[in-house]
Amino acid sequence: MLPEMVYVIGVTGGIGSGKTAVTDQFSALGVVIADADVAARTVVEPGTPALSSIQNHFGTTILDTEGRLDRAALRQIVFKDVKQRKWLESVTIPAILNELRHILDTASSDYAILMLSSGNGQSPWIHRNLVIDVPQDIQLARVMTRDSNNQEQVRAIIATQPSREDRLAYADDVIKNDGSISELQGAVKKLHQQYLILAGAP
């Protein structure tokens, strides 16, 4: 079921494509951003039902000294055990979707952006897909610099994501994010005007 009050742009792109840089530009224009990665952290904050369930299931070894989720410790468990990973997803995914839906339903802007990490942007909530696209050599360079990963590690991550070709095949709009900041700002402003019209903004 689509959020009733807002027109939703889905933003996707591979790792290192600069999705956050793009959504930051939209945010500066007053557009509400529902970011799946941010929601994934929000729903497991101390005191949340999801963290309580995770702690009850895995024990306190997955918490740090401040009672927050120790993601590295949890990854050690779930990436070795498919059943445990599926259990974790059964708790976190509904919570993440509820958080995203709440952001979209209460959005005060004429349209909102739903950032779905690295997928194809296929969601019944999305009216239009925007893909952030860069050549793979730029992806590699950015992620190696940002995350201190070697090229082999980054290539392995890219291999688990939808291909550039598949992602572009679903795109309604594309931003080529391999230029300057001013070029990126220009591309975002142009699409912003288009999205305001599509959303029926006054």
N, C-alpha and C. Protein backbone atom coordinates (compact mmCIF):
# COMPACT_ATOMS: atom_id res chain seq x y z
N MET A 1 0.84 -1.20 0.00
CA MET A 1 0.00 0.00 0.00
C MET A 1 0.87 1.25 0.00
N LEU A 2 0.57 2.16 -0.92
CA LEU A 2 1.37 3.38 -1.03
C LEU A 2 1.03 4.37 0.08
N PRO A 3 2.05 5.07 0.58
CA PRO A 3 1.74 6.17 1.49
C PRO A 3 0.77 7.14 0.80
N GLU A 4 -0.26 7.59 1.50
CA GLU A 4 -1.34 8.34 0.86
C GLU A 4 -0.97 9.78 0.56
N MET A 5 -0.07 10.37 1.36
CA MET A 5 0.09 11.81 1.31
C MET A 5 1.32 12.29 0.56
N VAL A 6 2.17 11.39 0.13
CA VAL A 6 3.43 11.87 -0.43
C VAL A 6 3.84 11.04 -1.64
N TYR A 7 4.45 11.72 -2.59
CA TYR A 7 5.02 11.09 -3.79
C TYR A 7 6.43 10.61 -3.41
N VAL A 8 6.75 9.36 -3.71
CA VAL A 8 8.00 8.76 -3.23
C VAL A 8 8.96 8.47 -4.38
N ILE A 9 10.18 9.00 -4.24
CA ILE A 9 11.27 8.71 -5.17
C ILE A 9 12.19 7.69 -4.51
N GLY A 10 12.39 6.56 -5.15
CA GLY A 10 13.32 5.56 -4.64
C GLY A 10 14.72 5.83 -5.16
N VAL A 11 15.69 5.87 -4.26
CA VAL A 11 17.08 6.12 -4.66
C VAL A 11 17.91 4.88 -4.38
N THR A 12 18.60 4.39 -5.41
CA THR A 12 19.49 3.25 -5.26
C THR A 12 20.80 3.53 -5.99
N GLY A 13 21.77 2.67 -5.72
CA GLY A 13 23.07 2.78 -6.36
C GLY A 13 24.02 1.82 -5.67
N GLY A 14 25.03 1.38 -6.35
CA GLY A 14 25.98 0.46 -5.76
C GLY A 14 26.81 1.13 -4.67
N ILE A 15 27.53 0.31 -3.91
CA ILE A 15 28.41 0.83 -2.88
C ILE A 15 29.41 1.81 -3.50
N GLY A 16 29.60 2.94 -2.83
CA GLY A 16 30.54 3.93 -3.34
C GLY A 16 30.01 4.80 -4.46
N SER A 17 28.72 4.69 -4.77
CA SER A 17 28.17 5.51 -5.87
C SER A 17 27.89 6.94 -5.43
N GLY A 18 27.79 7.15 -4.11
CA GLY A 18 27.54 8.51 -3.61
C GLY A 18 26.08 8.79 -3.34
N LYS A 19 25.34 7.76 -2.93
CA LYS A 19 23.91 7.95 -2.65
C LYS A 19 23.69 8.99 -1.56
N THR A 20 24.50 8.94 -0.51
CA THR A 20 24.32 9.89 0.59
C THR A 20 24.63 11.31 0.15
N ALA A 21 25.65 11.47 -0.68
CA ALA A 21 25.97 12.81 -1.20
C ALA A 21 24.78 13.37 -1.97
N VAL A 22 24.10 12.51 -2.72
CA VAL A 22 22.93 12.94 -3.49
C VAL A 22 21.76 13.28 -2.57
N THR A 23 21.46 12.37 -1.63
CA THR A 23 20.31 12.62 -0.76
C THR A 23 20.56 13.81 0.16
N ASP A 24 21.82 14.07 0.51
CA ASP A 24 22.13 15.27 1.28
C ASP A 24 21.75 16.54 0.50
N GLN A 25 21.95 16.50 -0.81
CA GLN A 25 21.58 17.65 -1.65
C GLN A 25 20.06 17.83 -1.68
N PHE A 26 19.34 16.72 -1.80
CA PHE A 26 17.87 16.80 -1.77
C PHE A 26 17.39 17.30 -0.40
N SER A 27 18.03 16.81 0.66
CA SER A 27 17.67 17.23 2.01
C SER A 27 17.85 18.73 2.18
N ALA A 28 18.93 19.27 1.60
CA ALA A 28 19.19 20.71 1.69
C ALA A 28 18.11 21.52 0.99
N LEU A 29 17.40 20.87 0.06
CA LEU A 29 16.29 21.53 -0.64
C LEU A 29 14.96 21.34 0.10
N GLY A 30 15.03 20.72 1.27
CA GLY A 30 13.83 20.57 2.10
C GLY A 30 13.08 19.26 1.92
N VAL A 31 13.68 18.31 1.19
CA VAL A 31 13.02 17.03 0.93
C VAL A 31 13.27 16.06 2.08
N VAL A 32 12.22 15.40 2.54
CA VAL A 32 12.33 14.41 3.61
C VAL A 32 12.99 13.14 3.05
N ILE A 33 13.98 12.62 3.79
CA ILE A 33 14.71 11.42 3.38
C ILE A 33 14.40 10.28 4.33
N ALA A 34 13.90 9.17 3.81
CA ALA A 34 13.73 7.94 4.58
C ALA A 34 14.84 6.99 4.14
N ASP A 35 15.85 6.84 4.98
CA ASP A 35 17.06 6.09 4.63
C ASP A 35 17.04 4.75 5.35
N ALA A 36 17.05 3.66 4.59
CA ALA A 36 16.98 2.32 5.18
C ALA A 36 18.17 2.04 6.09
N ASP A 37 19.36 2.55 5.75
CA ASP A 37 20.53 2.32 6.59
C ASP A 37 20.39 3.04 7.93
N VAL A 38 19.87 4.26 7.90
CA VAL A 38 19.65 5.01 9.14
C VAL A 38 18.57 4.31 9.98
N ALA A 39 17.50 3.87 9.32
CA ALA A 39 16.42 3.18 10.02
C ALA A 39 16.93 1.89 10.67
N ALA A 40 17.85 1.20 9.99
CA ALA A 40 18.40 -0.06 10.52
C ALA A 40 19.14 0.18 11.83
N ARG A 41 19.74 1.36 11.97
CA ARG A 41 20.43 1.68 13.23
C ARG A 41 19.43 2.16 14.29
N THR A 42 18.44 2.93 13.84
CA THR A 42 17.45 3.49 14.77
C THR A 42 16.66 2.41 15.49
N VAL A 43 16.27 1.36 14.77
CA VAL A 43 15.37 0.35 15.35
C VAL A 43 16.06 -0.57 16.35
N VAL A 44 17.39 -0.51 16.44
CA VAL A 44 18.10 -1.33 17.43
C VAL A 44 18.81 -0.47 18.48
N GLU A 45 18.35 0.77 18.63
CA GLU A 45 18.88 1.62 19.70
C GLU A 45 18.48 1.03 21.05
N PRO A 46 19.24 1.33 22.11
CA PRO A 46 18.87 0.85 23.45
C PRO A 46 17.44 1.22 23.80
N GLY A 47 16.71 0.25 24.36
CA GLY A 47 15.33 0.49 24.76
C GLY A 47 14.30 0.12 23.70
N THR A 48 14.74 -0.23 22.49
CA THR A 48 13.79 -0.60 21.44
C THR A 48 13.39 -2.06 21.57
N PRO A 49 12.16 -2.40 21.14
CA PRO A 49 11.73 -3.80 21.18
C PRO A 49 12.65 -4.73 20.38
N ALA A 50 13.15 -4.24 19.24
CA ALA A 50 14.01 -5.10 18.41
C ALA A 50 15.29 -5.47 19.15
N LEU A 51 15.92 -4.50 19.81
CA LEU A 51 17.15 -4.81 20.54
C LEU A 51 16.87 -5.75 21.71
N SER A 52 15.74 -5.58 22.36
CA SER A 52 15.39 -6.48 23.46
C SER A 52 15.25 -7.92 22.95
N SER A 53 14.59 -8.08 21.80
CA SER A 53 14.43 -9.41 21.22
C SER A 53 15.77 -10.01 20.84
N ILE A 54 16.64 -9.19 20.25
CA ILE A 54 17.97 -9.67 19.84
C ILE A 54 18.79 -10.08 21.05
N GLN A 55 18.74 -9.27 22.09
CA GLN A 55 19.48 -9.60 23.31
C GLN A 55 18.96 -10.87 23.95
N ASN A 56 17.63 -11.03 24.01
CA ASN A 56 17.04 -12.23 24.59
C ASN A 56 17.43 -13.48 23.81
N HIS A 57 17.58 -13.33 22.50
CA HIS A 57 17.90 -14.47 21.64
C HIS A 57 19.38 -14.83 21.66
N PHE A 58 20.25 -13.82 21.55
CA PHE A 58 21.69 -14.07 21.42
C PHE A 58 22.46 -13.91 22.73
N GLY A 59 21.87 -13.26 23.73
CA GLY A 59 22.58 -13.01 24.98
C GLY A 59 23.30 -11.67 24.96
N THR A 60 23.93 -11.35 26.08
CA THR A 60 24.55 -10.03 26.24
C THR A 60 25.89 -9.89 25.52
N THR A 61 26.40 -10.97 24.94
CA THR A 61 27.70 -10.87 24.24
C THR A 61 27.59 -10.02 22.99
N ILE A 62 26.36 -9.75 22.54
CA ILE A 62 26.21 -8.92 21.33
C ILE A 62 25.98 -7.45 21.69
N LEU A 63 26.18 -7.11 22.97
CA LEU A 63 26.09 -5.72 23.41
C LEU A 63 27.47 -5.20 23.77
N ASP A 64 27.69 -3.90 23.57
CA ASP A 64 28.95 -3.31 24.00
C ASP A 64 28.83 -2.86 25.46
N THR A 65 29.85 -2.23 25.98
CA THR A 65 29.87 -1.86 27.40
C THR A 65 28.81 -0.82 27.75
N GLU A 66 28.28 -0.12 26.74
CA GLU A 66 27.25 0.90 26.99
C GLU A 66 25.83 0.37 26.73
N GLY A 67 25.74 -0.94 26.45
CA GLY A 67 24.44 -1.54 26.21
C GLY A 67 23.92 -1.36 24.81
N ARG A 68 24.79 -0.92 23.92
CA ARG A 68 24.40 -0.77 22.52
C ARG A 68 24.75 -2.03 21.73
N LEU A 69 24.09 -2.20 20.60
CA LEU A 69 24.35 -3.38 19.78
C LEU A 69 25.78 -3.35 19.25
N ASP A 70 26.51 -4.42 19.47
CA ASP A 70 27.86 -4.59 18.93
C ASP A 70 27.71 -5.30 17.58
N ARG A 71 27.66 -4.51 16.53
CA ARG A 71 27.38 -5.06 15.21
C ARG A 71 28.43 -6.07 14.75
N ALA A 72 29.67 -5.80 15.09
CA ALA A 72 30.74 -6.73 14.70
C ALA A 72 30.55 -8.09 15.36
N ALA A 73 30.21 -8.09 16.64
CA ALA A 73 29.99 -9.34 17.37
C ALA A 73 28.79 -10.09 16.80
N LEU A 74 27.74 -9.36 16.46
CA LEU A 74 26.55 -10.00 15.89
C LEU A 74 26.84 -10.57 14.51
N ARG A 75 27.61 -9.83 13.71
CA ARG A 75 27.97 -10.33 12.37
C ARG A 75 28.73 -11.64 12.46
N GLN A 76 29.61 -11.75 13.44
CA GLN A 76 30.39 -12.99 13.62
C GLN A 76 29.47 -14.20 13.76
N ILE A 77 28.31 -13.99 14.41
CA ILE A 77 27.37 -15.08 14.62
C ILE A 77 26.53 -15.35 13.38
N VAL A 78 25.89 -14.30 12.85
CA VAL A 78 24.88 -14.52 11.82
C VAL A 78 25.45 -14.87 10.46
N PHE A 79 26.68 -14.45 10.18
CA PHE A 79 27.24 -14.78 8.87
C PHE A 79 27.78 -16.20 8.82
N LYS A 80 27.86 -16.85 9.97
CA LYS A 80 28.28 -18.25 10.00
C LYS A 80 27.08 -19.20 10.04
N ASP A 81 25.90 -18.65 10.27
CA ASP A 81 24.71 -19.48 10.50
C ASP A 81 23.51 -18.87 9.80
N VAL A 82 23.08 -19.50 8.73
CA VAL A 82 21.98 -18.97 7.92
C VAL A 82 20.69 -18.87 8.73
N LYS A 83 20.43 -19.86 9.58
CA LYS A 83 19.20 -19.85 10.38
C LYS A 83 19.19 -18.65 11.33
N GLN A 84 20.35 -18.37 11.93
CA GLN A 84 20.43 -17.22 12.83
C GLN A 84 20.25 -15.91 12.07
N ARG A 85 20.81 -15.83 10.87
CA ARG A 85 20.67 -14.62 10.08
C ARG A 85 19.20 -14.40 9.70
N LYS A 86 18.52 -15.49 9.32
CA LYS A 86 17.12 -15.37 8.95
C LYS A 86 16.26 -14.97 10.16
N TRP A 87 16.63 -15.50 11.34
CA TRP A 87 15.89 -15.09 12.53
C TRP A 87 16.08 -13.60 12.78
N LEU A 88 17.31 -13.14 12.67
CA LEU A 88 17.61 -11.72 12.88
C LEU A 88 16.83 -10.86 11.90
N GLU A 89 16.80 -11.27 10.64
CA GLU A 89 16.07 -10.51 9.62
C GLU A 89 14.58 -10.48 9.92
N SER A 90 14.06 -11.57 10.51
CA SER A 90 12.63 -11.62 10.85
C SER A 90 12.26 -10.59 11.91
N VAL A 91 13.24 -10.19 12.71
CA VAL A 91 13.02 -9.17 13.74
C VAL A 91 13.29 -7.77 13.19
N THR A 92 14.40 -7.62 12.49
CA THR A 92 14.81 -6.27 12.09
C THR A 92 14.08 -5.74 10.87
N ILE A 93 13.83 -6.57 9.88
CA ILE A 93 13.23 -6.06 8.64
C ILE A 93 11.84 -5.46 8.87
N PRO A 94 10.93 -6.13 9.59
CA PRO A 94 9.64 -5.48 9.84
C PRO A 94 9.78 -4.16 10.61
N ALA A 95 10.71 -4.12 11.56
CA ALA A 95 10.92 -2.89 12.33
C ALA A 95 11.44 -1.78 11.44
N ILE A 96 12.37 -2.11 10.54
CA ILE A 96 12.91 -1.12 9.61
C ILE A 96 11.82 -0.59 8.68
N LEU A 97 11.00 -1.50 8.14
CA LEU A 97 9.92 -1.08 7.25
C LEU A 97 8.91 -0.19 7.97
N ASN A 98 8.61 -0.52 9.22
CA ASN A 98 7.69 0.32 10.00
C ASN A 98 8.26 1.72 10.20
N GLU A 99 9.56 1.79 10.48
CA GLU A 99 10.21 3.08 10.68
C GLU A 99 10.19 3.91 9.39
N LEU A 100 10.50 3.27 8.26
CA LEU A 100 10.50 3.96 6.98
C LEU A 100 9.08 4.42 6.62
N ARG A 101 8.13 3.56 6.84
CA ARG A 101 6.74 3.91 6.52
C ARG A 101 6.27 5.10 7.35
N HIS A 102 6.66 5.13 8.62
CA HIS A 102 6.29 6.25 9.49
C HIS A 102 6.88 7.56 8.96
N ILE A 103 8.15 7.52 8.54
CA ILE A 103 8.80 8.73 8.00
C ILE A 103 8.06 9.21 6.75
N LEU A 104 7.70 8.28 5.87
CA LEU A 104 7.01 8.65 4.64
C LEU A 104 5.60 9.17 4.91
N ASP A 105 4.91 8.51 5.83
CA ASP A 105 3.54 8.92 6.13
C ASP A 105 3.46 10.29 6.79
N THR A 106 4.53 10.68 7.47
CA THR A 106 4.51 11.96 8.18
C THR A 106 5.36 13.02 7.49
N ALA A 107 5.78 12.73 6.27
CA ALA A 107 6.65 13.66 5.54
C ALA A 107 5.93 14.98 5.29
N SER A 108 6.64 16.08 5.53
CA SER A 108 6.06 17.42 5.35
C SER A 108 6.42 18.04 4.01
N SER A 109 7.31 17.39 3.25
CA SER A 109 7.71 17.93 1.95
C SER A 109 6.74 17.45 0.86
N ASP A 110 6.80 18.09 -0.30
CA ASP A 110 5.87 17.76 -1.39
C ASP A 110 6.12 16.36 -1.94
N TYR A 111 7.34 15.89 -1.85
CA TYR A 111 7.66 14.50 -2.17
C TYR A 111 8.74 14.07 -1.18
N ALA A 112 8.97 12.78 -1.10
CA ALA A 112 9.99 12.25 -0.18
C ALA A 112 10.86 11.26 -0.92
N ILE A 113 12.03 11.02 -0.34
CA ILE A 113 12.97 10.06 -0.94
C ILE A 113 13.10 8.86 -0.03
N LEU A 114 13.01 7.69 -0.63
CA LEU A 114 13.23 6.43 0.07
C LEU A 114 14.54 5.83 -0.43
N MET A 115 15.55 5.81 0.43
CA MET A 115 16.85 5.28 0.02
C MET A 115 16.98 3.84 0.48
N LEU A 116 17.03 2.95 -0.49
CA LEU A 116 17.03 1.51 -0.21
C LEU A 116 18.39 0.88 -0.47
N SER A 117 19.42 1.50 0.04
CA SER A 117 20.76 0.93 -0.01
C SER A 117 21.13 0.55 -1.44
N SER A 118 21.49 -0.74 -1.66
CA SER A 118 22.12 -1.11 -2.93
C SER A 118 21.23 -1.94 -3.85
N GLY A 119 19.94 -2.04 -3.56
CA GLY A 119 19.08 -2.90 -4.36
C GLY A 119 18.69 -2.28 -5.69
N ASN A 120 17.65 -2.86 -6.30
CA ASN A 120 17.15 -2.35 -7.57
C ASN A 120 16.11 -1.26 -7.39
N GLY A 121 15.71 -0.99 -6.14
CA GLY A 121 14.69 0.02 -5.91
C GLY A 121 13.30 -0.49 -6.17
N GLN A 122 13.11 -1.79 -6.06
CA GLN A 122 11.78 -2.36 -6.28
C GLN A 122 11.02 -2.38 -4.96
N SER A 123 10.04 -1.51 -4.84
CA SER A 123 9.21 -1.43 -3.65
C SER A 123 7.85 -0.89 -4.05
N PRO A 124 6.78 -1.45 -3.47
CA PRO A 124 5.44 -0.94 -3.82
C PRO A 124 5.20 0.48 -3.34
N TRP A 125 6.09 0.99 -2.48
CA TRP A 125 5.94 2.36 -1.99
C TRP A 125 6.48 3.39 -2.97
N ILE A 126 7.29 2.96 -3.93
CA ILE A 126 8.02 3.89 -4.79
C ILE A 126 7.22 4.22 -6.05
N HIS A 127 7.12 5.51 -6.34
CA HIS A 127 6.47 5.96 -7.56
C HIS A 127 7.46 6.07 -8.73
N ARG A 128 8.71 6.37 -8.41
CA ARG A 128 9.69 6.62 -9.45
C ARG A 128 11.09 6.28 -8.93
N ASN A 129 11.92 5.66 -9.78
CA ASN A 129 13.25 5.21 -9.38
C ASN A 129 14.36 6.12 -9.89
N LEU A 130 15.22 6.55 -8.97
CA LEU A 130 16.41 7.33 -9.32
C LEU A 130 17.63 6.49 -8.99
N VAL A 131 18.47 6.23 -9.98
CA VAL A 131 19.69 5.45 -9.78
C VAL A 131 20.89 6.38 -9.80
N ILE A 132 21.77 6.23 -8.80
CA ILE A 132 23.03 6.96 -8.75
C ILE A 132 24.08 6.04 -9.37
N ASP A 133 24.66 6.48 -10.47
CA ASP A 133 25.50 5.59 -11.27
C ASP A 133 26.93 6.12 -11.38
N VAL A 134 27.89 5.23 -11.17
CA VAL A 134 29.31 5.55 -11.40
C VAL A 134 29.99 4.32 -11.99
N PRO A 135 31.08 4.52 -12.74
CA PRO A 135 31.85 3.38 -13.24
C PRO A 135 32.46 2.61 -12.07
N GLN A 136 32.72 1.32 -12.28
CA GLN A 136 33.21 0.48 -11.20
C GLN A 136 34.57 0.91 -10.66
N ASP A 137 35.42 1.48 -11.52
CA ASP A 137 36.73 1.90 -11.02
C ASP A 137 36.60 3.02 -9.99
N ILE A 138 35.59 3.87 -10.15
CA ILE A 138 35.35 4.93 -9.18
C ILE A 138 34.78 4.34 -7.89
N GLN A 139 33.86 3.38 -8.03
CA GLN A 139 33.35 2.68 -6.84
C GLN A 139 34.51 2.11 -6.02
N LEU A 140 35.40 1.40 -6.69
CA LEU A 140 36.53 0.76 -6.02
C LEU A 140 37.38 1.79 -5.28
N ALA A 141 37.72 2.86 -5.97
CA ALA A 141 38.60 3.87 -5.37
C ALA A 141 37.94 4.52 -4.16
N ARG A 142 36.66 4.86 -4.28
CA ARG A 142 35.96 5.53 -3.18
C ARG A 142 35.86 4.63 -1.95
N VAL A 143 35.47 3.38 -2.15
CA VAL A 143 35.25 2.50 -1.01
C VAL A 143 36.58 2.10 -0.36
N MET A 144 37.60 1.90 -1.18
CA MET A 144 38.91 1.57 -0.61
C MET A 144 39.42 2.71 0.26
N THR A 145 39.19 3.93 -0.17
CA THR A 145 39.61 5.10 0.60
C THR A 145 38.76 5.28 1.85
N ARG A 146 37.45 5.13 1.68
CA ARG A 146 36.51 5.39 2.78
C ARG A 146 36.58 4.33 3.88
N ASP A 147 36.62 3.06 3.49
CA ASP A 147 36.50 1.97 4.46
C ASP A 147 37.80 1.22 4.73
N SER A 148 38.89 1.67 4.11
CA SER A 148 40.19 1.00 4.28
C SER A 148 40.12 -0.48 3.90
N ASN A 149 39.32 -0.79 2.89
CA ASN A 149 39.26 -2.15 2.37
C ASN A 149 40.20 -2.28 1.18
N ASN A 150 40.69 -3.51 0.96
CA ASN A 150 41.50 -3.71 -0.23
C ASN A 150 40.58 -3.96 -1.43
N GLN A 151 41.18 -3.95 -2.62
CA GLN A 151 40.39 -4.06 -3.85
C GLN A 151 39.61 -5.37 -3.91
N GLU A 152 40.21 -6.45 -3.44
CA GLU A 152 39.55 -7.75 -3.46
C GLU A 152 38.28 -7.73 -2.60
N GLN A 153 38.38 -7.11 -1.42
CA GLN A 153 37.21 -7.03 -0.54
C GLN A 153 36.09 -6.22 -1.18
N VAL A 154 36.46 -5.10 -1.80
CA VAL A 154 35.44 -4.25 -2.41
C VAL A 154 34.80 -4.94 -3.61
N ARG A 155 35.59 -5.61 -4.40
CA ARG A 155 35.03 -6.36 -5.55
C ARG A 155 34.06 -7.43 -5.07
N ALA A 156 34.38 -8.07 -3.95
CA ALA A 156 33.51 -9.10 -3.40
C ALA A 156 32.16 -8.51 -2.98
N ILE A 157 32.20 -7.32 -2.39
CA ILE A 157 30.96 -6.64 -2.00
C ILE A 157 30.14 -6.28 -3.23
N ILE A 158 30.80 -5.71 -4.24
CA ILE A 158 30.11 -5.32 -5.47
C ILE A 158 29.46 -6.54 -6.13
N ALA A 159 30.14 -7.68 -6.05
CA ALA A 159 29.63 -8.90 -6.69
C ALA A 159 28.33 -9.39 -6.05
N THR A 160 28.10 -9.04 -4.77
CA THR A 160 26.88 -9.47 -4.10
C THR A 160 25.70 -8.55 -4.39
N GLN A 161 25.97 -7.40 -5.01
CA GLN A 161 24.92 -6.42 -5.27
C GLN A 161 24.37 -6.60 -6.70
N PRO A 162 23.18 -6.07 -6.96
CA PRO A 162 22.66 -6.09 -8.33
C PRO A 162 23.67 -5.45 -9.27
N SER A 163 23.73 -5.95 -10.49
CA SER A 163 24.70 -5.40 -11.44
C SER A 163 24.29 -3.99 -11.85
N ARG A 164 25.28 -3.25 -12.31
CA ARG A 164 25.03 -1.89 -12.79
C ARG A 164 23.97 -1.91 -13.90
N GLU A 165 24.05 -2.90 -14.78
CA GLU A 165 23.12 -3.00 -15.90
C GLU A 165 21.70 -3.27 -15.41
N ASP A 166 21.56 -4.18 -14.42
CA ASP A 166 20.23 -4.49 -13.88
C ASP A 166 19.62 -3.26 -13.22
N ARG A 167 20.44 -2.55 -12.46
CA ARG A 167 19.95 -1.38 -11.74
C ARG A 167 19.47 -0.31 -12.73
N LEU A 168 20.26 -0.08 -13.76
CA LEU A 168 19.91 0.94 -14.75
C LEU A 168 18.65 0.55 -15.53
N ALA A 169 18.43 -0.75 -15.69
CA ALA A 169 17.25 -1.20 -16.41
C ALA A 169 15.96 -0.82 -15.69
N TYR A 170 16.03 -0.66 -14.38
CA TYR A 170 14.85 -0.28 -13.59
C TYR A 170 14.73 1.23 -13.41
N ALA A 171 15.72 1.98 -13.86
CA ALA A 171 15.77 3.42 -13.57
C ALA A 171 14.77 4.22 -14.39
N ASP A 172 14.11 5.14 -13.71
CA ASP A 172 13.34 6.17 -14.41
C ASP A 172 14.24 7.38 -14.65
N ASP A 173 15.13 7.64 -13.69
CA ASP A 173 16.07 8.76 -13.78
C ASP A 173 17.44 8.28 -13.33
N VAL A 174 18.50 8.90 -13.86
CA VAL A 174 19.87 8.52 -13.52
C VAL A 174 20.68 9.78 -13.25
N ILE A 175 21.44 9.77 -12.16
CA ILE A 175 22.44 10.80 -11.92
C ILE A 175 23.80 10.15 -12.06
N LYS A 176 24.59 10.66 -12.99
CA LYS A 176 25.97 10.20 -13.16
C LYS A 176 26.84 10.95 -12.15
N ASN A 177 27.25 10.26 -11.12
CA ASN A 177 27.96 10.92 -10.03
C ASN A 177 29.47 10.72 -10.12
N ASP A 178 30.02 11.09 -11.27
CA ASP A 178 31.46 10.94 -11.46
C ASP A 178 32.12 12.28 -11.79
N GLY A 179 31.38 13.37 -11.50
CA GLY A 179 31.91 14.70 -11.80
C GLY A 179 32.14 15.52 -10.54
N SER A 180 32.01 16.83 -10.68
CA SER A 180 32.25 17.74 -9.56
C SER A 180 31.01 17.88 -8.68
N ILE A 181 31.20 18.49 -7.51
CA ILE A 181 30.08 18.76 -6.61
C ILE A 181 29.09 19.71 -7.27
N SER A 182 29.58 20.69 -8.00
CA SER A 182 28.67 21.65 -8.65
C SER A 182 27.83 20.95 -9.72
N GLU A 183 28.42 19.99 -10.42
CA GLU A 183 27.65 19.22 -11.40
C GLU A 183 26.57 18.39 -10.72
N LEU A 184 26.92 17.81 -9.57
CA LEU A 184 25.95 17.02 -8.81
C LEU A 184 24.82 17.91 -8.32
N GLN A 185 25.15 19.07 -7.80
CA GLN A 185 24.13 20.01 -7.33
C GLN A 185 23.18 20.41 -8.46
N GLY A 186 23.75 20.63 -9.63
CA GLY A 186 22.93 21.01 -10.79
C GLY A 186 21.97 19.90 -11.19
N ALA A 187 22.47 18.66 -11.18
CA ALA A 187 21.63 17.51 -11.55
C ALA A 187 20.49 17.33 -10.54
N VAL A 188 20.80 17.50 -9.26
CA VAL A 188 19.79 17.35 -8.22
C VAL A 188 18.73 18.45 -8.33
N LYS A 189 19.16 19.69 -8.53
CA LYS A 189 18.20 20.79 -8.64
C LYS A 189 17.26 20.60 -9.84
N LYS A 190 17.80 20.11 -10.93
CA LYS A 190 16.99 19.86 -12.13
C LYS A 190 15.92 18.80 -11.85
N LEU A 191 16.34 17.70 -11.20
CA LEU A 191 15.39 16.64 -10.88
C LEU A 191 14.39 17.11 -9.83
N HIS A 192 14.84 17.92 -8.90
CA HIS A 192 13.95 18.44 -7.85
C HIS A 192 12.77 19.18 -8.48
N GLN A 193 13.04 20.01 -9.45
CA GLN A 193 11.95 20.74 -10.13
C GLN A 193 11.01 19.77 -10.84
N GLN A 194 11.58 18.75 -11.46
CA GLN A 194 10.77 17.74 -12.14
C GLN A 194 9.89 16.98 -11.15
N TYR A 195 10.48 16.62 -10.01
CA TYR A 195 9.73 15.84 -9.01
C TYR A 195 8.62 16.68 -8.37
N LEU A 196 8.85 17.96 -8.19
CA LEU A 196 7.81 18.83 -7.66
C LEU A 196 6.59 18.84 -8.58
N ILE A 197 6.86 18.87 -9.88
CA ILE A 197 5.76 18.85 -10.86
C ILE A 197 5.03 17.50 -10.81
N LEU A 198 5.80 16.41 -10.79
CA LEU A 198 5.20 15.08 -10.74
C LEU A 198 4.37 14.87 -9.48
N ALA A 199 4.84 15.48 -8.39
CA ALA A 199 4.13 15.33 -7.11
C ALA A 199 2.91 16.23 -7.01
N GLY A 200 2.73 17.09 -8.01
CA GLY A 200 1.59 18.00 -7.99
C GLY A 200 1.74 19.13 -6.99
N ALA A 201 3.00 19.55 -6.77
CA ALA A 201 3.24 20.62 -5.80
C ALA A 201 2.61 21.91 -6.27
N PRO A 202 2.07 22.70 -5.35
CA PRO A 202 1.43 23.97 -5.75
C PRO A 202 2.46 24.98 -6.24
